[in-house]
Structures are given as structure tokens and as C-alpha cells.
Amino acid sequence: MSPDSSLSTLAAEAPRARAFNATDPEDAHRWQAAFRPQLRVMLGLDTMERRGTPPMIAERLSTQRLADHMREEWTLETEIGYYVSFFLLLPLNTTDRLPLVLTPHGHGGQARREYCGLYASEEDRERIEAEELDVALQAVREGYAVIAPDMRGFADLRLREDIEAGEDNSCWPLSMRALLVGRTLLGERIWDVQRLLDWALQREDIDARRVVLTGNSGGGTITLFAAAVDERVRVCVPACYFCSFEHSIGSIKHCACNYIPGMLQAAEMADVAALIAPRPFLAVNGAHDPIFPIAATRASHARLQEAYTLFGAEDACRLSVGDDGHRYYQALVWPVVREFLARS
């Protein structure tokens, strides 16, 4: 076994103790009931729960009426002493209870700001429009209420030294520090998503039965894992993430925030996604994405489809492939989201 072949060798030997192996729907529910709490422990969510949860009281910092929606800026104490800033986008002139779309962002750019179509420069605008990364803006224009938060390690949630040095993120040091105390940075981001859901679902203008989670790249990572551990998420749409651990983050040098200790000992990505079944799931990937190769994505989706078939929900498990690389594909997302929400 060489350094270059070590992962493929060890992955082949890993027991996959929580691989999806159910033989009927009742067995599948038992499998989910056993694996979901274990995954929460692997993410460090149990460690975070022991610290307690602060009251779900958010502070509104500003309100701006735009041409087709309201944009409010809020902050919420998601963990004792820890505050997350987010935008709440609301369509104009509606009195109905609205579906909620929560849009965790990935690496690069201006975090929640770019998801809301706020550009730091003309060059930034061209990049965001080319990659269709104004995901929250797309969602509110579809008629949904939207929460677009900053994720830990980005924007104002970077380490002070990284902000002063102009570093794009603080993922590596925050990941290492989280591991020291039995947590993961991915788990911390999921925790924030769950607390934002706690707050949002108390609002009278939000329909708790219609909650959508979607984000691109690192936002797709958060989307998949958050939906796996939190059944309040009714529609899961990870973009440019769903693949296999072995052939994506295991095959290239990637950000430390992607890694969960012992993950392949327990399960592959398709098994994690099977925790979402039979809730609607749409993976959107790029045909020429070098980070998440499409052949491995198709193979993982075929495995996931087996779980959905067992639940009698074959049509709720979809894969759409754009003809470009690593980016968001809005034309492949919103018509399917609308279809899925119409079923709820």
C-alpha cells in the first residue's frame, strides 16, 4: 500500500457498519432510527447539545424594500455566546404562509451576501451571475421566504487574524479546534442551520410543512447532512456535492471542513443520503465537475435509488446533470422544487 493508493485500499477494507442494507420498509425505518443518532454523534452535535441552547430570540438590524422583495438583516444567538448573521428575504404583497428555503453557502466570495445578489465589484457580479450563485435571490423570486445565513468560518465568522490578513475563510484552524473538543466544523454549521429553523418555524408567515434546503458545493455538503439529521427538512437539493466520499474529497486535496472522523468506517455518502428517504431529494451536479466526478455521482445515485424504491418513493429521488462544471444550475432546481412542494 503506497501513499497514493492508501485510501482506495483502506476504503475497500472499511466495514461500512451503517451501510443501507434494509430489505423492507419497516427494516429501513429501523436502520434510519439506528444510524441517524450515530451520525449526530460523529458530527459532534451531541457535544453541542450538552452546552444547552439559548432562547430563540433574533434581533432585526435593518430592513430594505427592493423592487420585488423585502430584505431584512438579522442576528441570532445559535449557541451560548455565539451569534450568526443572516438575511431574511420575503416576497412582496403576500399574506399566505410561505414555504421556507434555507440557503447555506459554500467557499469563496462574500458568503450570504453573494447568495442575495449583493456584489462587491463588477468582477464579482460577473462571476456570481455566470455561476448562478445568487441562490437566495432566485428563491425569493420563486415566491418563497428565504433565510441566507453566514456559515462558520466565513465573512464575519472568520478568525480575527484571518479577517485582518484578508484570508477567504478560517476553515482549517476552526476544523482542527473543533476536533479537539469532540466536534466538527460541519456539525457546527449544521447546528446553526437547525437553530435558524427553530426560529423560522415559530413565525406565523412560514409553512413548517414546506421547508427546502439548497446550497452549492460546501453549501451542498451542509444541505445533505442537515437534511439527513433533521426530518423537518422536507426537500433536499444539494448542488455540486453529491458523489462518493472516496472519489471526491477522498481523492483530492480539499478543505478540512469536509471531513468527519471515521466516516467511511460507518457509511458512504449514498448511505447518509438514504436517511433522507422518502422525503424528496434532488442532486444537481455538473457533467464536467473535477471535484465531484459525475461517474461516481451516478453510481452513488443508483445506490440511493434502491433505498427510495424500498420506501415506494422512486420518483422522489432525482439526479439532474448540467452541461458545465462546478456551479449552481438554477434551471434544473426550481421547477423540481415547485413540483415537490406541490405534493406536500
Protein backbone atom coordinates (compact mmCIF):
# COMPACT_ATOMS: atom_id res chain seq x y z
CA MET A 1 0.00 0.00 0.00
CA SER A 2 1.52 3.32 -1.12
CA PRO A 3 0.54 6.87 -0.08
CA ASP A 4 -1.28 7.23 -3.41
CA SER A 5 -3.26 4.01 -3.05
CA SER A 6 -3.86 4.06 0.70
CA LEU A 7 -7.39 5.44 0.65
CA SER A 8 -8.69 3.06 -2.00
CA THR A 9 -7.15 0.13 -0.12
CA LEU A 10 -8.45 1.17 3.29
CA ALA A 11 -11.86 2.21 1.93
CA ALA A 12 -12.28 -1.24 0.39
CA GLU A 13 -11.47 -2.81 3.78
CA ALA A 14 -13.73 -0.48 5.80
CA PRO A 15 -16.68 -2.35 7.31
CA ARG A 16 -19.35 0.28 6.42
CA ALA A 17 -21.13 -0.72 9.60
CA ARG A 18 -24.10 1.53 8.85
CA ALA A 19 -24.42 0.88 5.10
CA PHE A 20 -28.02 0.77 3.94
CA ASN A 21 -28.98 -2.90 3.84
CA ALA A 22 -32.70 -2.92 4.64
CA THR A 23 -34.93 -5.49 2.98
CA ASP A 24 -38.37 -3.94 3.56
CA PRO A 25 -39.82 -0.56 4.62
CA GLU A 26 -40.08 -1.49 8.29
CA ASP A 27 -36.45 -2.62 8.29
CA ALA A 28 -35.49 0.63 6.52
CA HIS A 29 -37.12 2.73 9.24
CA ARG A 30 -35.23 0.74 11.89
CA TRP A 31 -31.99 1.33 10.00
CA GLN A 32 -32.62 5.08 9.91
CA ALA A 33 -33.53 5.13 13.59
CA ALA A 34 -30.19 3.47 14.42
CA PHE A 35 -27.92 5.43 12.06
CA ARG A 36 -29.29 8.98 12.46
CA PRO A 37 -28.29 9.38 16.14
CA GLN A 38 -24.90 7.82 15.40
CA LEU A 39 -24.32 10.36 12.63
CA ARG A 40 -25.23 13.16 15.02
CA VAL A 41 -22.54 11.89 17.38
CA MET A 42 -19.99 11.66 14.56
CA LEU A 43 -20.75 15.28 13.63
CA GLY A 44 -20.37 16.38 17.26
CA LEU A 45 -23.96 17.57 17.59
CA ASP A 46 -24.38 15.65 20.85
CA THR A 47 -21.42 17.55 22.31
CA MET A 48 -23.02 20.82 21.30
CA GLU A 49 -26.39 19.82 22.78
CA ARG A 50 -24.78 19.33 26.18
CA ARG A 51 -23.89 23.03 26.28
CA GLY A 52 -27.56 23.91 26.05
CA THR A 53 -29.48 26.03 23.57
CA PRO A 54 -30.14 29.75 24.07
CA PRO A 55 -33.66 31.21 23.66
CA MET A 56 -34.72 31.59 20.02
CA ILE A 57 -34.70 35.39 20.07
CA ALA A 58 -33.36 37.13 16.97
CA GLU A 59 -32.57 40.83 16.58
CA ARG A 60 -33.52 42.62 13.38
CA LEU A 61 -30.76 45.00 12.33
CA SER A 62 -32.18 46.55 9.16
CA THR A 63 -35.00 46.36 6.61
CA GLN A 64 -34.82 47.29 2.95
CA ARG A 65 -37.70 47.25 0.47
CA LEU A 66 -36.46 46.28 -3.00
CA ALA A 67 -38.25 46.08 -6.34
CA ASP A 68 -39.65 42.59 -5.82
CA HIS A 69 -38.90 41.59 -2.21
CA MET A 70 -38.02 42.72 1.29
CA ARG A 71 -34.52 42.10 2.59
CA GLU A 72 -34.12 42.09 6.35
CA GLU A 73 -30.84 41.59 8.19
CA TRP A 74 -30.98 39.70 11.47
CA THR A 75 -28.69 38.12 14.03
CA LEU A 76 -29.45 35.06 16.17
CA GLU A 77 -27.64 33.56 19.14
CA THR A 78 -27.44 29.97 17.89
CA GLU A 79 -25.14 28.70 20.62
CA ILE A 80 -24.50 30.21 24.02
CA GLY A 81 -22.34 33.28 23.30
CA TYR A 82 -22.24 32.67 19.53
CA TYR A 83 -24.15 34.86 17.06
CA VAL A 84 -24.92 34.20 13.40
CA SER A 85 -25.97 36.92 10.98
CA PHE A 86 -28.48 36.16 8.25
CA PHE A 87 -30.72 37.77 5.67
CA LEU A 88 -34.42 37.06 5.63
CA LEU A 89 -35.90 37.63 2.17
CA LEU A 90 -39.67 37.90 1.78
CA PRO A 91 -41.76 38.33 -1.38
CA LEU A 92 -43.86 41.48 -1.57
CA ASN A 93 -47.64 41.63 -1.31
CA THR A 94 -48.40 38.19 0.06
CA THR A 95 -50.48 37.18 3.06
CA ASP A 96 -50.11 33.41 2.62
CA ARG A 97 -47.98 31.14 4.80
CA LEU A 98 -44.87 30.69 2.69
CA PRO A 99 -42.58 27.74 2.03
CA LEU A 100 -39.16 28.36 3.54
CA VAL A 101 -35.94 27.94 1.59
CA LEU A 102 -32.74 27.94 3.64
CA THR A 103 -29.60 28.51 1.56
CA PRO A 104 -26.24 27.67 3.19
CA HIS A 105 -23.37 28.95 1.08
CA GLY A 106 -20.05 27.35 0.21
CA HIS A 107 -16.47 28.55 -0.14
CA GLY A 108 -15.35 31.74 -1.84
CA GLY A 109 -16.97 35.07 -2.48
CA GLN A 110 -18.95 37.09 0.01
CA ALA A 111 -20.84 34.31 1.83
CA ARG A 112 -24.53 35.15 2.38
CA ARG A 113 -24.16 38.45 0.53
CA GLU A 114 -23.48 36.85 -2.83
CA TYR A 115 -26.38 34.41 -2.38
CA CYS A 116 -28.61 37.52 -2.06
CA GLY A 117 -27.18 39.20 -5.16
CA LEU A 118 -25.04 41.74 -3.31
CA TYR A 119 -21.85 42.30 -5.28
CA ALA A 120 -18.52 43.60 -4.01
CA SER A 121 -17.39 44.63 -7.51
CA GLU A 122 -18.29 44.35 -11.18
CA GLU A 123 -15.95 41.36 -11.45
CA ASP A 124 -17.77 39.78 -8.53
CA ARG A 125 -21.13 40.38 -10.19
CA GLU A 126 -19.98 38.74 -13.43
CA ARG A 127 -18.72 35.67 -11.54
CA ILE A 128 -21.89 35.27 -9.48
CA GLU A 129 -24.16 35.67 -12.48
CA ALA A 130 -22.07 33.28 -14.59
CA GLU A 131 -22.17 30.60 -11.87
CA GLU A 132 -25.78 31.42 -10.86
CA LEU A 133 -24.75 31.72 -7.21
CA ASP A 134 -27.42 34.24 -6.20
CA VAL A 135 -29.36 31.27 -4.86
CA ALA A 136 -31.35 33.13 -2.18
CA LEU A 137 -32.36 35.81 -4.68
CA GLN A 138 -33.57 33.11 -7.07
CA ALA A 139 -35.63 31.52 -4.30
CA VAL A 140 -37.43 34.68 -3.17
CA ARG A 141 -38.26 35.44 -6.81
CA GLU A 142 -39.87 32.00 -6.95
CA GLY A 143 -42.21 33.23 -4.21
CA TYR A 144 -40.56 31.64 -1.16
CA ALA A 145 -39.42 33.04 2.16
CA VAL A 146 -35.64 32.65 2.32
CA ILE A 147 -33.02 32.54 5.06
CA ALA A 148 -29.47 33.14 3.84
CA PRO A 149 -27.01 32.82 6.76
CA ASP A 150 -23.28 33.25 7.09
CA MET A 151 -21.65 29.90 7.80
CA ARG A 152 -18.96 29.49 10.46
CA GLY A 153 -15.51 30.20 9.12
CA PHE A 154 -16.65 32.79 6.56
CA ALA A 155 -17.28 36.55 6.44
CA ASP A 156 -17.56 37.94 9.98
CA LEU A 157 -17.37 34.39 11.38
CA ARG A 158 -13.70 34.07 10.39
CA LEU A 159 -10.94 34.30 12.98
CA ARG A 160 -9.90 37.89 13.61
CA GLU A 161 -6.37 37.20 12.35
CA ASP A 162 -7.77 35.83 9.08
CA ILE A 163 -10.04 38.85 8.63
CA GLU A 164 -7.07 41.18 9.15
CA ALA A 165 -4.92 39.13 6.76
CA GLY A 166 -7.65 39.07 4.09
CA GLU A 167 -7.98 35.28 4.18
CA ASP A 168 -11.08 33.95 2.43
CA ASN A 169 -12.01 31.58 5.26
CA SER A 170 -10.92 30.12 8.59
CA CYS A 171 -11.99 26.57 7.83
CA TRP A 172 -8.73 24.79 8.57
CA PRO A 173 -7.98 26.21 12.06
CA LEU A 174 -11.64 26.08 13.10
CA SER A 175 -11.88 22.46 11.93
CA MET A 176 -8.82 21.46 13.95
CA ARG A 177 -10.04 23.28 17.05
CA ALA A 178 -13.47 21.65 16.77
CA LEU A 179 -11.88 18.20 16.64
CA LEU A 180 -10.02 18.89 19.87
CA VAL A 181 -13.30 19.25 21.75
CA GLY A 182 -15.24 16.42 20.11
CA ARG A 183 -16.94 18.48 17.43
CA THR A 184 -16.64 19.09 13.69
CA LEU A 185 -16.92 22.36 11.81
CA LEU A 186 -19.52 20.75 9.56
CA GLY A 187 -21.53 19.80 12.64
CA GLU A 188 -21.30 23.36 13.95
CA ARG A 189 -22.67 24.68 10.66
CA ILE A 190 -25.50 22.16 10.76
CA TRP A 191 -26.25 23.20 14.34
CA ASP A 192 -26.67 26.80 13.16
CA VAL A 193 -29.00 25.69 10.35
CA GLN A 194 -31.12 23.80 12.89
CA ARG A 195 -31.34 26.78 15.24
CA LEU A 196 -32.33 29.04 12.34
CA LEU A 197 -35.08 26.54 11.54
CA ASP A 198 -36.19 26.62 15.19
CA TRP A 199 -36.55 30.39 14.93
CA ALA A 200 -38.15 30.49 11.49
CA LEU A 201 -40.75 27.82 12.21
CA GLN A 202 -42.11 29.91 15.09
CA ARG A 203 -43.13 32.61 12.61
CA GLU A 204 -46.75 32.79 11.52
CA ASP A 205 -45.79 33.55 7.90
CA ILE A 206 -43.76 30.32 7.46
CA ASP A 207 -45.29 26.98 6.49
CA ALA A 208 -43.46 24.38 8.59
CA ARG A 209 -44.63 21.58 6.27
CA ARG A 210 -42.71 23.03 3.31
CA VAL A 211 -39.04 23.53 4.18
CA VAL A 212 -36.41 23.37 1.45
CA LEU A 213 -32.64 23.25 1.89
CA THR A 214 -30.33 24.01 -1.03
CA GLY A 215 -26.76 25.22 -1.44
CA ASN A 216 -23.84 24.82 -3.80
CA SER A 217 -20.54 22.99 -3.19
CA GLY A 218 -19.81 23.43 0.54
CA GLY A 219 -23.39 24.61 0.83
CA GLY A 220 -24.40 21.31 -0.75
CA THR A 221 -22.44 19.49 1.95
CA ILE A 222 -24.38 21.27 4.68
CA THR A 223 -27.62 20.70 2.78
CA LEU A 224 -27.20 16.92 2.56
CA PHE A 225 -26.04 16.34 6.14
CA ALA A 226 -28.56 18.72 7.71
CA ALA A 227 -31.43 17.01 5.88
CA ALA A 228 -30.06 13.63 6.96
CA VAL A 229 -30.19 14.51 10.67
CA ASP A 230 -33.22 16.84 10.70
CA GLU A 231 -36.52 15.49 9.38
CA ARG A 232 -38.09 18.96 9.35
CA VAL A 233 -36.31 19.49 6.03
CA ARG A 234 -38.90 18.33 3.52
CA VAL A 235 -37.00 18.89 0.26
CA CYS A 236 -33.23 18.45 -0.05
CA VAL A 237 -31.35 19.87 -3.05
CA PRO A 238 -27.54 19.65 -2.77
CA ALA A 239 -25.79 21.18 -5.78
CA CYS A 240 -22.33 20.11 -6.92
CA TYR A 241 -21.71 17.89 -3.92
CA PHE A 242 -23.48 14.52 -4.06
CA CYS A 243 -20.97 11.87 -5.10
CA SER A 244 -19.00 9.37 -3.00
CA PHE A 245 -16.56 10.30 -0.25
CA GLU A 246 -13.91 8.04 -1.72
CA HIS A 247 -13.99 9.57 -5.20
CA SER A 248 -14.49 13.21 -4.25
CA ILE A 249 -13.00 14.61 -1.05
CA GLY A 250 -11.03 11.39 -0.61
CA SER A 251 -9.30 11.65 -3.97
CA ILE A 252 -8.12 15.29 -3.99
CA LYS A 253 -6.67 17.85 -1.62
CA HIS A 254 -9.72 19.56 -0.18
CA CYS A 255 -10.83 21.82 2.65
CA ALA A 256 -10.66 20.31 6.15
CA CYS A 257 -14.28 21.27 6.84
CA ASN A 258 -15.44 18.37 4.63
CA TYR A 259 -14.05 15.57 6.78
CA ILE A 260 -15.75 13.60 9.55
CA PRO A 261 -13.56 11.23 11.58
CA GLY A 262 -14.34 7.58 10.85
CA MET A 263 -16.94 8.38 8.19
CA LEU A 264 -16.05 5.54 5.84
CA GLN A 265 -15.98 3.09 8.71
CA ALA A 266 -19.67 3.82 9.11
CA ALA A 267 -21.05 4.65 5.67
CA GLU A 268 -20.63 6.14 2.21
CA MET A 269 -22.39 9.27 1.00
CA ALA A 270 -25.31 7.36 -0.52
CA ASP A 271 -25.97 5.82 2.89
CA VAL A 272 -26.04 9.26 4.53
CA ALA A 273 -28.47 10.41 1.85
CA ALA A 274 -30.66 7.34 2.49
CA LEU A 275 -31.50 8.91 5.86
CA ILE A 276 -33.50 11.49 3.87
CA ALA A 277 -35.76 8.89 2.21
CA PRO A 278 -38.63 9.03 1.45
CA ARG A 279 -38.50 12.85 1.59
CA PRO A 280 -37.86 14.43 -1.84
CA PHE A 281 -34.20 14.57 -2.85
CA LEU A 282 -32.68 16.20 -5.93
CA ALA A 283 -28.95 16.09 -6.59
CA VAL A 284 -27.79 18.63 -9.17
CA ASN A 285 -24.27 18.11 -10.50
CA GLY A 286 -22.05 19.34 -13.31
CA ALA A 287 -21.04 16.94 -16.06
CA HIS A 288 -17.51 18.37 -16.01
CA ASP A 289 -17.08 19.00 -12.29
CA PRO A 290 -13.49 17.95 -11.42
CA ILE A 291 -14.17 17.88 -7.67
CA PHE A 292 -17.22 15.61 -7.71
CA PRO A 293 -16.78 13.35 -10.76
CA ILE A 294 -20.03 12.53 -12.48
CA ALA A 295 -19.36 8.79 -12.88
CA ALA A 296 -19.13 8.36 -9.11
CA THR A 297 -22.18 10.60 -8.66
CA ARG A 298 -24.23 8.39 -10.99
CA ALA A 299 -23.10 5.25 -9.18
CA SER A 300 -23.98 6.74 -5.78
CA HIS A 301 -27.35 7.89 -7.06
CA ALA A 302 -28.11 4.37 -8.30
CA ARG A 303 -27.42 3.07 -4.78
CA LEU A 304 -29.58 5.77 -3.23
CA GLN A 305 -32.38 4.95 -5.65
CA GLU A 306 -32.51 1.45 -4.15
CA ALA A 307 -33.38 2.94 -0.76
CA TYR A 308 -36.08 5.18 -2.23
CA THR A 309 -37.51 2.24 -4.17
CA LEU A 310 -37.80 0.26 -0.96
CA PHE A 311 -39.78 3.15 0.53
CA GLY A 312 -42.01 3.23 -2.56
CA ALA A 313 -40.75 6.71 -3.41
CA GLU A 314 -38.70 6.15 -6.57
CA ASP A 315 -39.86 9.39 -8.17
CA ALA A 316 -38.80 11.43 -5.15
CA CYS A 317 -35.12 10.65 -5.78
CA ARG A 318 -33.72 12.59 -8.73
CA LEU A 319 -30.38 13.43 -10.32
CA SER A 320 -30.07 16.31 -12.80
CA VAL A 321 -26.81 16.98 -14.61
CA GLY A 322 -25.83 20.35 -16.03
CA ASP A 323 -23.54 20.52 -19.04
CA ASP A 324 -20.91 22.68 -17.32
CA GLY A 325 -18.63 22.36 -14.31
CA HIS A 326 -18.73 23.24 -10.61
CA ARG A 327 -21.58 25.79 -10.28
CA TYR A 328 -25.26 26.17 -9.44
CA TYR A 329 -27.83 25.27 -12.11
CA GLN A 330 -30.98 27.21 -11.31
CA ALA A 331 -32.97 25.94 -14.32
CA LEU A 332 -32.53 22.38 -13.01
CA VAL A 333 -33.53 23.26 -9.44
CA TRP A 334 -36.62 25.42 -9.15
CA PRO A 335 -39.10 23.58 -11.42
CA VAL A 336 -38.43 20.38 -9.47
CA VAL A 337 -38.67 22.17 -6.11
CA ARG A 338 -42.04 23.54 -7.20
CA GLU A 339 -43.16 20.03 -8.18
CA PHE A 340 -42.00 18.52 -4.90
CA LEU A 341 -43.63 21.23 -2.78
CA ALA A 342 -46.92 20.77 -4.61
CA ARG A 343 -47.04 17.24 -3.19
CA SER A 344 -46.75 18.37 0.42
